[in-house]
Each structure stands twice: as structure tokens, then as C-alpha cells.
Amino acid sequence: MNERRRRRGLSRCLRLGVLLFALAACGGQPHWHSRDIRGLLPDLPSELSPRIGSAEVRLLFFGYTHCPHLCPATLARLDAVSAALGHPPDLRIVFISVDPRRDTRPVLRAFLQRFRAPVSGLRPDPATLRVLSRRYRVGYGYGDADDRGNYAVSHPAGVYVFDRQGRARLLIRPSDRHDGVVADLRRLLAEGA
């Protein structure tokens, strides 16, 4: 009698466990390969938001054109991700210069023309750059100039991803795998398409 009761109890526990697992799988948040930052950062400001009727997924990267390694490598990586997605017209990379003194419009344009993906280059004035950096918790700083006037600029390595409504959704980190980033962006592009 006790053995039968114990088996029924065990059977109920197993069924309940399977049900709870199924409910969690159906109702849980989807898995992202990149860092989910939904609700942690504000929406894109109006000057960076997609125009009405051209809702785009936007990738924001803060860097500078004289960057020896990180910026060209990050933009090349984003270019490869865009290529893996077929260079969709509703995916836009936004490169925000943290070195507006050297990154003149011609210099910025020449730097960004190396990439096939659509990249918008922004060169905010120092006051606007400070506002944007505070808004997205971006730190940057300038090193000492050498005898030729060259200097390094420290800046973050991550890329912020905003959905079609301009909401912060993901942070692509240097350690995130290519195929995972492609899958994440494919999923975001499918939302509301």
C-alpha cells in the first residue's frame, strides 16, 4: 500500500515537473546569443532614430577613424555579419566618432567607404558627444599626443543594437560568436517586418 502511494506521488511529481518545464519553455524569454540589454538603456534619440516609414534595426558603435585595430576590426566584423544576412536594406550600422577633431567629414567618409554594409558616420560636436556618451554609458578618453600630433583614444568595444522602434535590445561583445550574432540580428529583423 505504501509502495503504491509512493509510486503515485512520484508519478504526479514527474508529470508536474514535465508540465512546469513545458510552461517555462513556452513562456520564457527567448535565448539571445548577444547580451540582452532590453530595458537597461534609453531609446534612440530622435536624431538617431529611423525616419518614419524606414524602420531599421540599428547598430551603434562608438569609435574613431585613426583607431589602429579595434574600430576597423569591429566594422569589418559587422560588415561580415551584414553580408551573412544578405546586406538587408533595413539593417544600418551607425559609427559615432569619439574623435570629432580629427574625424572630419571627408576622413570619416573615406574610412567608412571600405565597408559594403550601409554605415552612417556621425561626427557630433563635443557637447553632443558628451550627452550621447552619458545616455549610453560610454566612456572615452584621449591619450597624450606624440611629436606628430597623433594620439590614442580609449573607447568601448561593444556594439549597441536597437530594434525597429529604436529600443535598446542587445549588446554585441567582441567575444560573441559570428553565427550567434547573425542569428540574433536575423530574429530582430524578422520582428515587425
Protein backbone atom coordinates (compact mmCIF):
# COMPACT_ATOMS: atom_id res chain seq x y z
CA MET A 1 0.00 0.00 0.00
CA ASN A 2 2.75 2.45 0.95
CA GLU A 3 4.71 1.43 -2.16
CA ARG A 4 1.70 2.12 -4.39
CA ARG A 5 1.13 5.54 -2.76
CA ARG A 6 4.81 6.38 -3.15
CA ARG A 7 4.73 5.47 -6.87
CA ARG A 8 1.60 7.59 -7.46
CA GLY A 9 3.25 10.51 -5.67
CA LEU A 10 6.39 10.07 -7.72
CA SER A 11 4.32 9.87 -10.90
CA ARG A 12 2.48 13.10 -10.02
CA CYS A 13 5.78 14.85 -9.26
CA LEU A 14 7.20 13.75 -12.61
CA ARG A 15 4.09 14.93 -14.50
CA LEU A 16 4.16 18.24 -12.63
CA GLY A 17 7.88 18.62 -13.41
CA VAL A 18 7.30 17.95 -17.11
CA LEU A 19 4.40 20.43 -17.15
CA LEU A 20 6.43 23.13 -15.41
CA PHE A 21 9.33 22.56 -17.80
CA ALA A 22 6.99 22.82 -20.80
CA LEU A 23 5.42 26.00 -19.45
CA ALA A 24 8.82 27.55 -18.80
CA ALA A 25 9.98 26.63 -22.30
CA CYS A 26 6.88 28.16 -23.91
CA GLY A 27 6.57 31.24 -21.78
CA GLY A 28 10.20 32.05 -21.03
CA GLN A 29 12.23 34.78 -22.63
CA PRO A 30 13.89 33.72 -25.88
CA HIS A 31 17.59 32.98 -25.74
CA TRP A 32 19.89 35.59 -27.24
CA HIS A 33 23.50 34.91 -28.15
CA SER A 34 24.47 38.55 -27.54
CA ARG A 35 23.84 40.32 -24.24
CA ASP A 36 20.17 41.21 -23.73
CA ILE A 37 20.00 44.87 -22.61
CA ARG A 38 16.27 45.39 -23.03
CA GLY A 39 15.08 47.98 -20.53
CA LEU A 40 18.61 48.89 -19.40
CA LEU A 41 19.26 51.81 -21.76
CA PRO A 42 17.05 54.56 -23.19
CA ASP A 43 15.62 54.55 -26.69
CA LEU A 44 17.50 56.12 -29.57
CA PRO A 45 17.21 59.92 -29.57
CA SER A 46 15.21 61.39 -32.44
CA GLU A 47 18.33 62.38 -34.41
CA LEU A 48 19.46 58.74 -34.45
CA SER A 49 16.03 57.13 -34.84
CA PRO A 50 14.93 55.72 -38.17
CA ARG A 51 12.82 58.02 -40.30
CA ILE A 52 9.10 57.28 -40.36
CA GLY A 53 8.45 54.54 -42.88
CA SER A 54 12.05 53.29 -42.87
CA ALA A 55 12.11 51.31 -39.65
CA GLU A 56 15.58 49.86 -39.42
CA VAL A 57 17.48 47.76 -36.94
CA ARG A 58 20.40 49.98 -35.95
CA LEU A 59 23.84 49.01 -34.67
CA LEU A 60 25.62 51.81 -32.79
CA PHE A 61 29.37 51.71 -32.44
CA PHE A 62 31.45 54.45 -30.80
CA GLY A 63 34.97 54.69 -32.24
CA TYR A 64 37.37 56.77 -34.31
CA THR A 65 38.94 56.56 -37.75
CA HIS A 66 42.58 56.65 -36.56
CA CYS A 67 41.99 53.58 -34.38
CA PRO A 68 44.72 51.09 -35.27
CA HIS A 69 42.89 47.81 -34.60
CA LEU A 70 39.57 47.71 -32.75
CA CYS A 71 37.46 50.01 -34.93
CA PRO A 72 38.45 48.57 -38.33
CA ALA A 73 38.11 45.03 -36.94
CA THR A 74 34.69 45.73 -35.41
CA LEU A 75 33.36 47.36 -38.56
CA ALA A 76 34.77 44.50 -40.68
CA ARG A 77 33.02 42.07 -38.35
CA LEU A 78 29.71 43.95 -38.68
CA ASP A 79 30.22 44.04 -42.44
CA ALA A 80 30.66 40.24 -42.44
CA VAL A 81 27.52 39.82 -40.32
CA SER A 82 25.59 42.04 -42.71
CA ALA A 83 26.92 40.02 -45.67
CA ALA A 84 25.81 36.78 -43.99
CA LEU A 85 22.32 38.30 -43.80
CA GLY A 86 22.45 39.38 -47.47
CA HIS A 87 23.10 43.08 -46.66
CA PRO A 88 19.45 43.74 -45.74
CA PRO A 89 18.34 47.31 -46.51
CA ASP A 90 16.69 47.59 -43.08
CA LEU A 91 19.93 46.98 -41.15
CA ARG A 92 22.08 50.06 -40.61
CA ILE A 93 25.39 50.48 -38.83
CA VAL A 94 25.90 53.85 -37.17
CA PHE A 95 29.50 54.78 -36.43
CA ILE A 96 29.73 57.62 -33.89
CA SER A 97 33.12 59.29 -33.79
CA VAL A 98 34.59 59.94 -30.35
CA ASP A 99 37.36 61.97 -32.03
CA PRO A 100 35.49 64.72 -33.91
CA ARG A 101 38.61 66.91 -34.05
CA ARG A 102 40.45 64.56 -36.44
CA ASP A 103 37.44 62.77 -37.89
CA THR A 104 36.41 65.42 -40.38
CA ARG A 105 33.58 64.59 -42.76
CA PRO A 106 35.96 63.67 -45.65
CA VAL A 107 38.10 61.49 -43.34
CA LEU A 108 35.02 59.77 -41.92
CA ARG A 109 33.54 59.21 -45.40
CA ALA A 110 36.81 57.70 -46.73
CA PHE A 111 37.12 55.42 -43.69
CA LEU A 112 33.55 54.10 -43.94
CA GLN A 113 33.71 53.50 -47.71
CA ARG A 114 35.88 50.45 -47.02
CA PHE A 115 32.80 48.51 -45.96
CA ARG A 116 29.98 47.15 -48.12
CA ALA A 117 27.30 47.30 -45.44
CA PRO A 118 25.41 50.58 -45.12
CA VAL A 119 27.28 52.59 -42.48
CA SER A 120 26.27 56.08 -41.39
CA GLY A 121 29.10 58.11 -39.92
CA LEU A 122 28.25 60.69 -37.29
CA ARG A 123 30.63 63.37 -36.11
CA PRO A 124 28.91 65.02 -33.18
CA ASP A 125 30.27 68.21 -31.69
CA PRO A 126 31.94 67.73 -28.28
CA ALA A 127 28.83 68.79 -26.31
CA THR A 128 26.55 66.38 -28.21
CA LEU A 129 29.13 63.62 -27.86
CA ARG A 130 29.13 64.12 -24.07
CA VAL A 131 25.32 63.88 -24.00
CA LEU A 132 25.31 60.71 -26.12
CA SER A 133 28.11 59.11 -24.09
CA ARG A 134 26.23 59.74 -20.83
CA ARG A 135 22.98 58.48 -22.35
CA TYR A 136 24.56 55.15 -23.34
CA ARG A 137 27.15 54.93 -20.54
CA VAL A 138 30.05 55.15 -22.96
CA GLY A 139 33.44 56.11 -21.60
CA TYR A 140 36.13 57.57 -23.82
CA GLY A 141 39.37 59.46 -23.24
CA TYR A 142 42.29 60.92 -25.10
CA GLY A 143 45.92 59.94 -24.71
CA ASP A 144 48.88 62.29 -24.94
CA ALA A 145 49.81 63.42 -28.43
CA ASP A 146 53.14 62.30 -29.83
CA ASP A 147 55.57 64.65 -31.62
CA ARG A 148 53.48 64.36 -34.82
CA GLY A 149 50.20 65.12 -33.06
CA ASN A 150 48.91 61.55 -33.09
CA TYR A 151 47.15 60.23 -30.02
CA ALA A 152 45.11 57.20 -28.99
CA VAL A 153 41.50 57.39 -27.90
CA SER A 154 40.09 54.89 -25.45
CA HIS A 155 36.51 53.80 -26.15
CA PRO A 156 34.24 50.78 -25.64
CA ALA A 157 34.40 47.68 -27.80
CA GLY A 158 30.70 46.78 -27.70
CA VAL A 159 28.06 47.47 -30.33
CA TYR A 160 24.58 48.53 -29.21
CA VAL A 161 21.66 47.03 -31.15
CA PHE A 162 18.34 48.88 -31.39
CA ASP A 163 15.16 47.39 -32.81
CA ARG A 164 12.86 48.93 -35.41
CA GLN A 165 11.17 51.07 -32.76
CA GLY A 166 14.50 52.48 -31.57
CA ARG A 167 14.56 50.45 -28.34
CA ALA A 168 17.86 49.16 -26.95
CA ARG A 169 17.81 45.37 -27.28
CA LEU A 170 21.29 43.82 -27.43
CA LEU A 171 24.95 44.48 -26.81
CA ILE A 172 27.28 42.69 -29.22
CA ARG A 173 30.53 41.97 -27.40
CA PRO A 174 33.87 41.08 -29.01
CA SER A 175 33.55 37.57 -27.53
CA ASP A 176 30.15 36.90 -29.18
CA ARG A 177 30.35 34.31 -31.95
CA HIS A 178 29.66 35.32 -35.56
CA ASP A 179 26.88 32.77 -36.09
CA GLY A 180 25.17 33.81 -32.84
CA VAL A 181 25.23 37.50 -33.81
CA VAL A 182 23.84 36.62 -37.25
CA ALA A 183 21.04 34.59 -35.64
CA ASP A 184 20.20 37.42 -33.21
CA LEU A 185 20.04 40.05 -35.93
CA ARG A 186 18.03 37.78 -38.22
CA ARG A 187 15.50 37.40 -35.42
CA LEU A 188 15.36 41.14 -34.73
CA LEU A 189 14.97 41.90 -38.43
CA ALA A 190 12.04 39.47 -38.57
CA GLU A 191 10.25 41.31 -35.74
CA GLY A 192 7.71 43.66 -37.21
CA ALA A 193 8.95 43.19 -40.77
